[in-house]
Amino acid sequence: MNLPALPADAGPVLLGLARNAIARTLGAAAASPHNAPWLKVPGATFITLTKAGALRGCIGSLEARRPLGEDVQANAVAAALRDPRFPALTVDELLQVAVEVSLLSPAQTIAYRDETDALAQLVPGADGVVFQYGHHRSTFLPQVWEQFATAAEFMGHLKYKAGLPPDFWDPEVKLARYAVTKWRESERS
C-alpha cells in the first residue's frame, strides 16, 4: 500500500489548510491556502476533529479524485459543518478543536474464504478497512483499532456503521484495506 512521497513539512501544511478552510467558512481570520505543486497531485484524505479528546466530526474521501489540497479543505469543512452525527461547529468551538489529517493509500481488495479468514488477515492498528455489501458501505481508519479489543469487535462495529447487524456475514461481502499517514494537532483547551 503505497502512499505518495511528501515534503518534510507536509503535516503542518495540511493541518494548516484544514484549520484555515474551517476558519474561513465560519467567517474567522485565516491564512491564505498554500499553492505548492505537491498539493495539486490527487489525494484521498479524512479529516478528524476532536474536542477534549472526544470525536467532534470526521469526514473523508476513500479515493483520490481531486487535488490533495482541495480534498483536505473540502473534507475539513464537511467534518466541521456536515457530519450528521454532530451539530455544525461554531467559531468559538474552533479554538477548542484539534485537527487530524489522514492521507490514505489506494485501497487493496482482501481475498478471503470466510469471515474467520478475513479477520485473521487484518492488521490491527495498521489497516484501515472498507466494508461493502450491496449498497451498505462503511470504513474505519487504522486509528479506530484503539477502541476495540479484537478484530471481531472491530468488524462488528464496522458492519453496524454500514447499517447491518454486528453478526451479519454473507459470501458477497467485499473488504478492502488501506494505510494512512496522519498528522495531528495538539489537543486544545
N, C-alpha and C. Protein backbone atom coordinates (compact mmCIF):
# COMPACT_ATOMS: atom_id res chain seq x y z
N MET A 1 0.85 -1.17 0.00
CA MET A 1 0.00 0.00 0.00
C MET A 1 0.89 1.22 0.00
N ASN A 2 1.02 1.82 -1.15
CA ASN A 2 1.94 2.94 -1.31
C ASN A 2 1.26 4.28 -1.06
N LEU A 3 1.90 5.09 -0.25
CA LEU A 3 1.47 6.45 -0.03
C LEU A 3 2.39 7.37 -0.81
N PRO A 4 1.87 8.51 -1.28
CA PRO A 4 2.71 9.40 -2.07
C PRO A 4 3.85 10.00 -1.25
N ALA A 5 4.97 10.28 -1.93
CA ALA A 5 6.11 10.94 -1.28
C ALA A 5 5.73 12.40 -1.04
N LEU A 6 5.98 12.87 0.16
CA LEU A 6 5.62 14.24 0.52
C LEU A 6 6.82 14.95 1.11
N PRO A 7 6.83 16.28 1.06
CA PRO A 7 7.93 17.02 1.68
C PRO A 7 7.89 16.92 3.20
N ALA A 8 8.99 17.25 3.84
CA ALA A 8 9.10 17.14 5.30
C ALA A 8 8.07 17.99 6.03
N ASP A 9 7.66 19.11 5.43
CA ASP A 9 6.70 19.98 6.11
C ASP A 9 5.25 19.68 5.73
N ALA A 10 4.98 18.54 5.13
CA ALA A 10 3.62 18.22 4.67
C ALA A 10 2.60 18.27 5.80
N GLY A 11 2.94 17.71 6.96
CA GLY A 11 1.99 17.68 8.07
C GLY A 11 1.51 19.05 8.49
N PRO A 12 2.43 19.95 8.84
CA PRO A 12 1.99 21.29 9.23
C PRO A 12 1.23 22.03 8.11
N VAL A 13 1.64 21.82 6.86
CA VAL A 13 0.93 22.47 5.75
C VAL A 13 -0.50 21.94 5.65
N LEU A 14 -0.67 20.61 5.69
CA LEU A 14 -2.02 20.02 5.57
C LEU A 14 -2.90 20.39 6.77
N LEU A 15 -2.33 20.36 7.97
CA LEU A 15 -3.11 20.76 9.15
C LEU A 15 -3.54 22.22 9.04
N GLY A 16 -2.63 23.08 8.58
CA GLY A 16 -2.97 24.49 8.39
C GLY A 16 -4.05 24.69 7.34
N LEU A 17 -3.96 23.95 6.23
CA LEU A 17 -5.00 24.03 5.21
C LEU A 17 -6.37 23.67 5.78
N ALA A 18 -6.41 22.59 6.56
CA ALA A 18 -7.68 22.14 7.13
C ALA A 18 -8.24 23.18 8.10
N ARG A 19 -7.43 23.63 9.05
CA ARG A 19 -7.90 24.59 10.06
C ARG A 19 -8.33 25.91 9.39
N ASN A 20 -7.52 26.39 8.46
CA ASN A 20 -7.84 27.67 7.81
C ASN A 20 -9.08 27.58 6.93
N ALA A 21 -9.33 26.43 6.30
CA ALA A 21 -10.55 26.26 5.50
C ALA A 21 -11.78 26.35 6.39
N ILE A 22 -11.71 25.72 7.56
CA ILE A 22 -12.83 25.79 8.50
C ILE A 22 -13.01 27.23 8.98
N ALA A 23 -11.91 27.87 9.37
CA ALA A 23 -11.98 29.25 9.87
C ALA A 23 -12.59 30.18 8.82
N ARG A 24 -12.12 30.09 7.57
CA ARG A 24 -12.67 30.95 6.50
C ARG A 24 -14.17 30.72 6.35
N THR A 25 -14.59 29.46 6.36
CA THR A 25 -16.00 29.13 6.19
C THR A 25 -16.84 29.69 7.33
N LEU A 26 -16.28 29.71 8.54
CA LEU A 26 -17.00 30.23 9.71
C LEU A 26 -16.88 31.74 9.83
N GLY A 27 -16.14 32.38 8.91
CA GLY A 27 -16.01 33.83 8.94
C GLY A 27 -14.92 34.34 9.86
N ALA A 28 -14.03 33.47 10.29
CA ALA A 28 -12.92 33.87 11.16
C ALA A 28 -11.69 34.18 10.31
N ALA A 29 -10.74 34.87 10.90
CA ALA A 29 -9.50 35.18 10.19
C ALA A 29 -8.75 33.88 9.87
N ALA A 30 -8.16 33.83 8.68
CA ALA A 30 -7.44 32.63 8.26
C ALA A 30 -6.35 32.99 7.27
N ALA A 31 -5.29 32.22 7.29
CA ALA A 31 -4.19 32.41 6.34
C ALA A 31 -4.62 31.95 4.96
N SER A 32 -3.96 32.47 3.94
CA SER A 32 -4.24 32.05 2.56
C SER A 32 -3.77 30.62 2.36
N PRO A 33 -4.46 29.87 1.49
CA PRO A 33 -4.04 28.49 1.22
C PRO A 33 -2.67 28.44 0.54
N HIS A 34 -1.94 27.37 0.80
CA HIS A 34 -0.66 27.12 0.13
C HIS A 34 -0.92 26.72 -1.32
N ASN A 35 0.05 26.96 -2.18
CA ASN A 35 -0.08 26.56 -3.59
C ASN A 35 1.08 25.68 -4.04
N ALA A 36 1.67 24.92 -3.15
CA ALA A 36 2.80 24.06 -3.50
C ALA A 36 2.36 23.04 -4.55
N PRO A 37 3.24 22.69 -5.50
CA PRO A 37 2.89 21.74 -6.56
C PRO A 37 2.39 20.39 -6.03
N TRP A 38 2.95 19.89 -4.93
CA TRP A 38 2.53 18.58 -4.41
C TRP A 38 1.08 18.59 -3.91
N LEU A 39 0.52 19.76 -3.65
CA LEU A 39 -0.88 19.85 -3.23
C LEU A 39 -1.85 19.68 -4.41
N LYS A 40 -1.31 19.73 -5.62
CA LYS A 40 -2.14 19.57 -6.81
C LYS A 40 -2.24 18.12 -7.28
N VAL A 41 -1.45 17.24 -6.68
CA VAL A 41 -1.49 15.81 -7.01
C VAL A 41 -2.74 15.21 -6.35
N PRO A 42 -3.48 14.33 -7.04
CA PRO A 42 -4.67 13.74 -6.43
C PRO A 42 -4.36 13.04 -5.10
N GLY A 43 -5.25 13.22 -4.14
CA GLY A 43 -5.08 12.59 -2.83
C GLY A 43 -6.42 12.33 -2.17
N ALA A 44 -6.46 11.31 -1.34
CA ALA A 44 -7.67 10.96 -0.58
C ALA A 44 -7.35 11.15 0.90
N THR A 45 -8.17 11.94 1.57
CA THR A 45 -7.92 12.24 2.98
C THR A 45 -9.18 12.12 3.81
N PHE A 46 -8.96 11.92 5.10
CA PHE A 46 -10.02 12.05 6.10
C PHE A 46 -9.58 13.13 7.07
N ILE A 47 -10.51 13.96 7.48
CA ILE A 47 -10.25 14.98 8.49
C ILE A 47 -11.06 14.60 9.72
N THR A 48 -10.36 14.47 10.85
CA THR A 48 -10.99 14.13 12.12
C THR A 48 -10.83 15.31 13.06
N LEU A 49 -11.93 15.73 13.66
CA LEU A 49 -11.92 16.81 14.64
C LEU A 49 -12.24 16.22 16.00
N THR A 50 -11.46 16.60 17.02
CA THR A 50 -11.74 16.16 18.38
C THR A 50 -11.80 17.38 19.29
N LYS A 51 -12.62 17.25 20.32
CA LYS A 51 -12.77 18.32 21.32
C LYS A 51 -12.68 17.64 22.68
N ALA A 52 -11.69 18.03 23.47
CA ALA A 52 -11.44 17.42 24.78
C ALA A 52 -11.29 15.90 24.65
N GLY A 53 -10.65 15.46 23.57
CA GLY A 53 -10.39 14.04 23.37
C GLY A 53 -11.54 13.25 22.77
N ALA A 54 -12.72 13.88 22.60
CA ALA A 54 -13.89 13.19 22.05
C ALA A 54 -14.09 13.58 20.58
N LEU A 55 -14.57 12.65 19.79
CA LEU A 55 -14.84 12.91 18.39
C LEU A 55 -15.82 14.06 18.25
N ARG A 56 -15.54 14.99 17.33
CA ARG A 56 -16.41 16.14 17.08
C ARG A 56 -16.79 16.25 15.61
N GLY A 57 -16.20 15.38 14.78
CA GLY A 57 -16.52 15.35 13.36
C GLY A 57 -15.46 14.56 12.61
N CYS A 58 -15.88 13.83 11.58
CA CYS A 58 -14.93 13.08 10.76
C CYS A 58 -15.59 12.81 9.41
N ILE A 59 -14.96 13.34 8.37
CA ILE A 59 -15.45 13.17 7.00
C ILE A 59 -14.23 12.98 6.11
N GLY A 60 -14.39 12.16 5.07
CA GLY A 60 -13.25 11.97 4.19
C GLY A 60 -13.59 11.37 2.85
N SER A 61 -12.53 11.09 2.11
CA SER A 61 -12.59 10.51 0.77
C SER A 61 -11.84 9.20 0.78
N LEU A 62 -12.42 8.17 0.20
CA LEU A 62 -11.74 6.88 0.10
C LEU A 62 -10.89 6.76 -1.15
N GLU A 63 -11.17 7.59 -2.15
CA GLU A 63 -10.42 7.53 -3.40
C GLU A 63 -9.92 8.92 -3.77
N ALA A 64 -8.75 8.96 -4.38
CA ALA A 64 -8.13 10.22 -4.79
C ALA A 64 -8.79 10.71 -6.09
N ARG A 65 -9.75 11.61 -5.95
CA ARG A 65 -10.49 12.11 -7.12
C ARG A 65 -10.30 13.60 -7.35
N ARG A 66 -9.62 14.28 -6.43
CA ARG A 66 -9.36 15.70 -6.60
C ARG A 66 -7.98 16.01 -6.02
N PRO A 67 -7.43 17.18 -6.33
CA PRO A 67 -6.11 17.52 -5.80
C PRO A 67 -6.08 17.45 -4.26
N LEU A 68 -4.95 17.00 -3.73
CA LEU A 68 -4.78 16.81 -2.29
C LEU A 68 -5.19 18.05 -1.50
N GLY A 69 -4.71 19.23 -1.89
CA GLY A 69 -5.05 20.46 -1.16
C GLY A 69 -6.55 20.72 -1.14
N GLU A 70 -7.22 20.51 -2.27
CA GLU A 70 -8.67 20.69 -2.33
C GLU A 70 -9.38 19.66 -1.46
N ASP A 71 -8.90 18.41 -1.50
CA ASP A 71 -9.53 17.34 -0.73
C ASP A 71 -9.47 17.64 0.77
N VAL A 72 -8.31 18.09 1.24
CA VAL A 72 -8.15 18.42 2.66
C VAL A 72 -9.12 19.54 3.05
N GLN A 73 -9.16 20.59 2.26
CA GLN A 73 -10.01 21.73 2.61
C GLN A 73 -11.50 21.36 2.58
N ALA A 74 -11.93 20.65 1.54
CA ALA A 74 -13.34 20.27 1.43
C ALA A 74 -13.75 19.33 2.56
N ASN A 75 -12.89 18.36 2.89
CA ASN A 75 -13.23 17.42 3.96
C ASN A 75 -13.19 18.09 5.32
N ALA A 76 -12.31 19.07 5.50
CA ALA A 76 -12.26 19.79 6.78
C ALA A 76 -13.56 20.55 7.01
N VAL A 77 -14.02 21.24 5.99
CA VAL A 77 -15.28 21.99 6.11
C VAL A 77 -16.44 21.02 6.33
N ALA A 78 -16.44 19.91 5.62
CA ALA A 78 -17.51 18.92 5.79
C ALA A 78 -17.49 18.32 7.19
N ALA A 79 -16.32 18.01 7.72
CA ALA A 79 -16.23 17.45 9.07
C ALA A 79 -16.73 18.45 10.11
N ALA A 80 -16.46 19.73 9.88
CA ALA A 80 -16.87 20.77 10.83
C ALA A 80 -18.36 21.10 10.74
N LEU A 81 -18.92 21.03 9.55
CA LEU A 81 -20.29 21.53 9.36
C LEU A 81 -21.32 20.49 8.93
N ARG A 82 -20.87 19.36 8.34
CA ARG A 82 -21.84 18.45 7.75
C ARG A 82 -21.77 17.01 8.24
N ASP A 83 -21.02 16.72 9.29
CA ASP A 83 -21.05 15.37 9.85
C ASP A 83 -22.42 15.21 10.50
N PRO A 84 -23.27 14.28 10.01
CA PRO A 84 -24.64 14.19 10.52
C PRO A 84 -24.75 13.78 11.99
N ARG A 85 -23.64 13.34 12.58
CA ARG A 85 -23.68 12.92 13.98
C ARG A 85 -23.58 14.10 14.95
N PHE A 86 -23.22 15.29 14.43
CA PHE A 86 -22.94 16.43 15.30
C PHE A 86 -23.57 17.71 14.74
N PRO A 87 -23.86 18.67 15.63
CA PRO A 87 -24.27 19.99 15.12
C PRO A 87 -23.06 20.67 14.48
N ALA A 88 -23.32 21.65 13.64
CA ALA A 88 -22.24 22.39 12.98
C ALA A 88 -21.33 23.03 14.02
N LEU A 89 -20.05 23.01 13.75
CA LEU A 89 -19.05 23.63 14.61
C LEU A 89 -19.27 25.14 14.63
N THR A 90 -19.03 25.77 15.77
CA THR A 90 -19.15 27.23 15.87
C THR A 90 -17.75 27.85 15.88
N VAL A 91 -17.69 29.15 15.64
CA VAL A 91 -16.41 29.86 15.67
C VAL A 91 -15.76 29.70 17.04
N ASP A 92 -16.54 29.81 18.11
CA ASP A 92 -15.98 29.66 19.46
C ASP A 92 -15.40 28.27 19.68
N GLU A 93 -16.06 27.25 19.16
CA GLU A 93 -15.56 25.88 19.31
C GLU A 93 -14.27 25.63 18.54
N LEU A 94 -14.10 26.34 17.43
CA LEU A 94 -12.92 26.12 16.59
C LEU A 94 -11.64 26.24 17.40
N LEU A 95 -11.62 27.12 18.37
CA LEU A 95 -10.43 27.30 19.21
C LEU A 95 -10.20 26.12 20.15
N GLN A 96 -11.22 25.30 20.36
CA GLN A 96 -11.14 24.16 21.29
C GLN A 96 -10.95 22.82 20.57
N VAL A 97 -10.96 22.85 19.26
CA VAL A 97 -10.93 21.62 18.47
C VAL A 97 -9.51 21.34 17.96
N ALA A 98 -9.10 20.08 18.05
CA ALA A 98 -7.84 19.63 17.45
C ALA A 98 -8.15 18.98 16.10
N VAL A 99 -7.31 19.24 15.12
CA VAL A 99 -7.49 18.73 13.76
C VAL A 99 -6.49 17.60 13.51
N GLU A 100 -6.99 16.53 12.87
CA GLU A 100 -6.12 15.44 12.42
C GLU A 100 -6.38 15.22 10.94
N VAL A 101 -5.30 15.11 10.17
CA VAL A 101 -5.38 14.82 8.74
C VAL A 101 -4.81 13.43 8.52
N SER A 102 -5.58 12.57 7.87
CA SER A 102 -5.13 11.22 7.49
C SER A 102 -5.10 11.14 5.97
N LEU A 103 -3.93 10.85 5.41
CA LEU A 103 -3.76 10.68 3.97
C LEU A 103 -3.81 9.18 3.68
N LEU A 104 -4.73 8.76 2.83
CA LEU A 104 -4.95 7.34 2.56
C LEU A 104 -4.16 6.85 1.36
N SER A 105 -3.67 5.61 1.47
CA SER A 105 -3.10 4.93 0.31
C SER A 105 -4.27 4.40 -0.53
N PRO A 106 -4.01 4.00 -1.77
CA PRO A 106 -5.08 3.34 -2.54
C PRO A 106 -5.50 2.05 -1.81
N ALA A 107 -6.79 1.78 -1.81
CA ALA A 107 -7.31 0.58 -1.16
C ALA A 107 -6.96 -0.67 -1.97
N GLN A 108 -6.70 -1.76 -1.26
CA GLN A 108 -6.41 -3.05 -1.89
C GLN A 108 -7.46 -4.06 -1.44
N THR A 109 -8.04 -4.77 -2.39
CA THR A 109 -9.04 -5.78 -2.09
C THR A 109 -8.44 -6.90 -1.27
N ILE A 110 -9.19 -7.39 -0.30
CA ILE A 110 -8.77 -8.52 0.53
C ILE A 110 -9.49 -9.77 0.02
N ALA A 111 -8.73 -10.79 -0.37
CA ALA A 111 -9.31 -12.07 -0.79
C ALA A 111 -9.36 -12.98 0.44
N TYR A 112 -10.49 -13.64 0.65
CA TYR A 112 -10.65 -14.48 1.84
C TYR A 112 -11.65 -15.60 1.55
N ARG A 113 -11.59 -16.65 2.37
CA ARG A 113 -12.52 -17.79 2.23
C ARG A 113 -13.83 -17.54 2.97
N ASP A 114 -13.72 -16.97 4.18
CA ASP A 114 -14.88 -16.74 5.03
C ASP A 114 -14.53 -15.63 6.01
N GLU A 115 -15.44 -15.31 6.90
CA GLU A 115 -15.19 -14.20 7.83
C GLU A 115 -14.00 -14.48 8.74
N THR A 116 -13.84 -15.71 9.19
CA THR A 116 -12.71 -16.06 10.06
C THR A 116 -11.38 -15.79 9.34
N ASP A 117 -11.30 -16.17 8.09
CA ASP A 117 -10.10 -15.93 7.29
C ASP A 117 -9.88 -14.42 7.10
N ALA A 118 -10.95 -13.69 6.82
CA ALA A 118 -10.83 -12.23 6.63
C ALA A 118 -10.31 -11.58 7.91
N LEU A 119 -10.86 -11.95 9.05
CA LEU A 119 -10.44 -11.37 10.33
C LEU A 119 -8.97 -11.68 10.62
N ALA A 120 -8.54 -12.89 10.27
CA ALA A 120 -7.15 -13.30 10.52
C ALA A 120 -6.16 -12.49 9.68
N GLN A 121 -6.61 -11.97 8.55
CA GLN A 121 -5.71 -11.21 7.67
C GLN A 121 -5.58 -9.74 8.07
N LEU A 122 -6.49 -9.23 8.87
CA LEU A 122 -6.44 -7.82 9.24
C LEU A 122 -5.30 -7.55 10.21
N VAL A 123 -4.66 -6.40 10.05
CA VAL A 123 -3.54 -6.00 10.91
C VAL A 123 -4.03 -4.86 11.81
N PRO A 124 -4.34 -5.18 13.08
CA PRO A 124 -4.83 -4.14 14.00
C PRO A 124 -3.85 -2.97 14.10
N GLY A 125 -4.40 -1.77 14.05
CA GLY A 125 -3.60 -0.57 14.19
C GLY A 125 -2.95 -0.11 12.90
N ALA A 126 -2.89 -0.98 11.88
CA ALA A 126 -2.25 -0.61 10.62
C ALA A 126 -3.24 -0.53 9.47
N ASP A 127 -4.23 -1.41 9.46
CA ASP A 127 -5.18 -1.46 8.34
C ASP A 127 -6.39 -0.57 8.58
N GLY A 128 -6.63 0.33 7.63
CA GLY A 128 -7.95 0.93 7.50
C GLY A 128 -8.76 -0.07 6.71
N VAL A 129 -10.04 -0.20 6.99
CA VAL A 129 -10.84 -1.24 6.34
C VAL A 129 -12.11 -0.62 5.75
N VAL A 130 -12.41 -1.04 4.51
CA VAL A 130 -13.66 -0.68 3.85
C VAL A 130 -14.51 -1.94 3.80
N PHE A 131 -15.72 -1.87 4.32
CA PHE A 131 -16.68 -2.98 4.30
C PHE A 131 -17.76 -2.61 3.30
N GLN A 132 -18.12 -3.55 2.41
CA GLN A 132 -19.19 -3.27 1.46
C GLN A 132 -20.02 -4.52 1.24
N TYR A 133 -21.34 -4.33 1.28
CA TYR A 133 -22.29 -5.39 0.96
C TYR A 133 -23.47 -4.71 0.29
N GLY A 134 -23.64 -4.95 -1.01
CA GLY A 134 -24.70 -4.25 -1.74
C GLY A 134 -24.52 -2.75 -1.61
N HIS A 135 -25.57 -2.05 -1.18
CA HIS A 135 -25.47 -0.59 -1.00
C HIS A 135 -24.98 -0.20 0.39
N HIS A 136 -24.71 -1.18 1.24
CA HIS A 136 -24.17 -0.92 2.59
C HIS A 136 -22.66 -0.76 2.50
N ARG A 137 -22.15 0.35 3.01
CA ARG A 137 -20.70 0.59 2.94
C ARG A 137 -20.26 1.40 4.15
N SER A 138 -19.11 1.05 4.68
CA SER A 138 -18.54 1.81 5.81
C SER A 138 -17.03 1.63 5.81
N THR A 139 -16.38 2.49 6.58
CA THR A 139 -14.94 2.38 6.75
C THR A 139 -14.55 2.82 8.14
N PHE A 140 -13.45 2.28 8.61
CA PHE A 140 -12.78 2.75 9.82
C PHE A 140 -11.33 3.00 9.46
N LEU A 141 -10.81 4.14 9.90
CA LEU A 141 -9.39 4.45 9.76
C LEU A 141 -8.59 3.52 10.67
N PRO A 142 -7.31 3.31 10.40
CA PRO A 142 -6.49 2.44 11.26
C PRO A 142 -6.50 2.87 12.73
N GLN A 143 -6.59 4.17 13.00
CA GLN A 143 -6.55 4.63 14.39
C GLN A 143 -7.79 4.21 15.19
N VAL A 144 -8.86 3.77 14.51
CA VAL A 144 -10.07 3.32 15.22
C VAL A 144 -9.84 1.99 15.93
N TRP A 145 -8.82 1.23 15.51
CA TRP A 145 -8.49 -0.04 16.19
C TRP A 145 -8.29 0.17 17.69
N GLU A 146 -7.81 1.34 18.10
CA GLU A 146 -7.54 1.63 19.52
C GLU A 146 -8.78 1.45 20.39
N GLN A 147 -9.96 1.53 19.79
CA GLN A 147 -11.22 1.45 20.54
C GLN A 147 -11.72 0.02 20.73
N PHE A 148 -11.08 -0.95 20.07
CA PHE A 148 -11.60 -2.32 20.10
C PHE A 148 -10.53 -3.32 20.52
N ALA A 149 -10.94 -4.33 21.26
CA ALA A 149 -10.01 -5.33 21.78
C ALA A 149 -9.66 -6.41 20.76
N THR A 150 -10.58 -6.69 19.83
CA THR A 150 -10.35 -7.79 18.88
C THR A 150 -10.75 -7.37 17.47
N ALA A 151 -10.27 -8.13 16.48
CA ALA A 151 -10.65 -7.90 15.10
C ALA A 151 -12.15 -8.16 14.91
N ALA A 152 -12.70 -9.13 15.61
CA ALA A 152 -14.13 -9.43 15.51
C ALA A 152 -14.97 -8.26 16.02
N GLU A 153 -14.54 -7.64 17.09
CA GLU A 153 -15.27 -6.48 17.63
C GLU A 153 -15.18 -5.31 16.64
N PHE A 154 -13.97 -5.07 16.10
CA PHE A 154 -13.76 -4.04 15.08
C PHE A 154 -14.72 -4.26 13.91
N MET A 155 -14.75 -5.48 13.39
CA MET A 155 -15.59 -5.81 12.24
C MET A 155 -17.08 -5.67 12.58
N GLY A 156 -17.47 -6.09 13.78
CA GLY A 156 -18.87 -5.95 14.19
C GLY A 156 -19.33 -4.49 14.18
N HIS A 157 -18.49 -3.61 14.65
CA HIS A 157 -18.83 -2.18 14.66
C HIS A 157 -18.80 -1.61 13.24
N LEU A 158 -17.92 -2.12 12.40
CA LEU A 158 -17.87 -1.69 11.00
C LEU A 158 -19.16 -2.08 10.28
N LYS A 159 -19.65 -3.28 10.54
CA LYS A 159 -20.92 -3.72 9.95
C LYS A 159 -22.08 -2.86 10.46
N TYR A 160 -22.08 -2.59 11.76
CA TYR A 160 -23.13 -1.76 12.36
C TYR A 160 -23.13 -0.37 11.73
N LYS A 161 -21.94 0.19 11.53
CA LYS A 161 -21.81 1.50 10.90
C LYS A 161 -22.39 1.48 9.48
N ALA A 162 -22.29 0.33 8.80
CA ALA A 162 -22.83 0.17 7.45
C ALA A 162 -24.34 -0.07 7.46
N GLY A 163 -24.93 -0.15 8.65
CA GLY A 163 -26.37 -0.36 8.75
C GLY A 163 -26.79 -1.81 8.80
N LEU A 164 -25.85 -2.68 9.19
CA LEU A 164 -26.12 -4.12 9.27
C LEU A 164 -25.90 -4.61 10.70
N PRO A 165 -26.50 -5.74 11.07
CA PRO A 165 -26.25 -6.28 12.41
C PRO A 165 -24.78 -6.68 12.58
N PRO A 166 -24.23 -6.53 13.79
CA PRO A 166 -22.82 -6.87 14.02
C PRO A 166 -22.46 -8.33 13.70
N ASP A 167 -23.44 -9.24 13.74
CA ASP A 167 -23.15 -10.65 13.45
C ASP A 167 -23.44 -11.02 11.99
N PHE A 168 -23.74 -10.03 11.16
CA PHE A 168 -24.05 -10.28 9.75
C PHE A 168 -22.82 -10.80 9.00
N TRP A 169 -23.04 -11.75 8.11
CA TRP A 169 -21.99 -12.14 7.16
C TRP A 169 -22.66 -12.77 5.95
N ASP A 170 -22.06 -12.56 4.78
CA ASP A 170 -22.56 -13.12 3.53
C ASP A 170 -21.36 -13.30 2.61
N PRO A 171 -21.36 -14.34 1.78
CA PRO A 171 -20.24 -14.54 0.85
C PRO A 171 -20.02 -13.36 -0.11
N GLU A 172 -21.04 -12.50 -0.28
CA GLU A 172 -20.93 -11.36 -1.19
C GLU A 172 -20.29 -10.12 -0.53
N VAL A 173 -19.95 -10.21 0.74
CA VAL A 173 -19.26 -9.09 1.41
C VAL A 173 -17.93 -8.84 0.72
N LYS A 174 -17.63 -7.57 0.50
CA LYS A 174 -16.33 -7.19 -0.08
C LYS A 174 -15.57 -6.37 0.96
N LEU A 175 -14.29 -6.68 1.10
CA LEU A 175 -13.43 -5.96 2.04
C LEU A 175 -12.21 -5.43 1.30
N ALA A 176 -11.75 -4.27 1.72
CA ALA A 176 -10.52 -3.70 1.19
C ALA A 176 -9.77 -3.06 2.35
N ARG A 177 -8.45 -2.95 2.20
CA ARG A 177 -7.64 -2.32 3.24
C ARG A 177 -6.82 -1.19 2.65
N TYR A 178 -6.47 -0.24 3.51
CA TYR A 178 -5.61 0.87 3.11
C TYR A 178 -4.78 1.28 4.31
N ALA A 179 -3.69 1.99 4.04
CA ALA A 179 -2.83 2.53 5.10
C ALA A 179 -3.02 4.04 5.14
N VAL A 180 -2.60 4.66 6.21
CA VAL A 180 -2.65 6.12 6.29
C VAL A 180 -1.34 6.67 6.83
N THR A 181 -1.06 7.89 6.42
CA THR A 181 -0.07 8.72 7.09
C THR A 181 -0.90 9.79 7.76
N LYS A 182 -0.68 10.04 9.05
CA LYS A 182 -1.53 11.01 9.73
C LYS A 182 -0.69 12.04 10.46
N TRP A 183 -1.31 13.20 10.60
CA TRP A 183 -0.72 14.31 11.35
C TRP A 183 -1.81 14.86 12.25
N ARG A 184 -1.44 15.24 13.47
CA ARG A 184 -2.44 15.67 14.44
C ARG A 184 -1.94 16.89 15.21
N GLU A 185 -2.83 17.85 15.36
CA GLU A 185 -2.52 18.99 16.23
C GLU A 185 -2.57 18.53 17.68
N SER A 186 -1.95 19.27 18.55
CA SER A 186 -2.07 19.01 19.99
C SER A 186 -3.50 19.33 20.41
N GLU A 187 -3.96 18.62 21.43
CA GLU A 187 -5.29 18.93 21.99
C GLU A 187 -5.30 20.36 22.47
N ARG A 188 -6.37 21.04 22.22
CA ARG A 188 -6.54 22.42 22.67
C ARG A 188 -7.42 22.44 23.90
N SER A 189 -7.29 23.48 24.70
CA SER A 189 -8.15 23.55 25.90
C SER A 189 -9.07 24.73 25.81
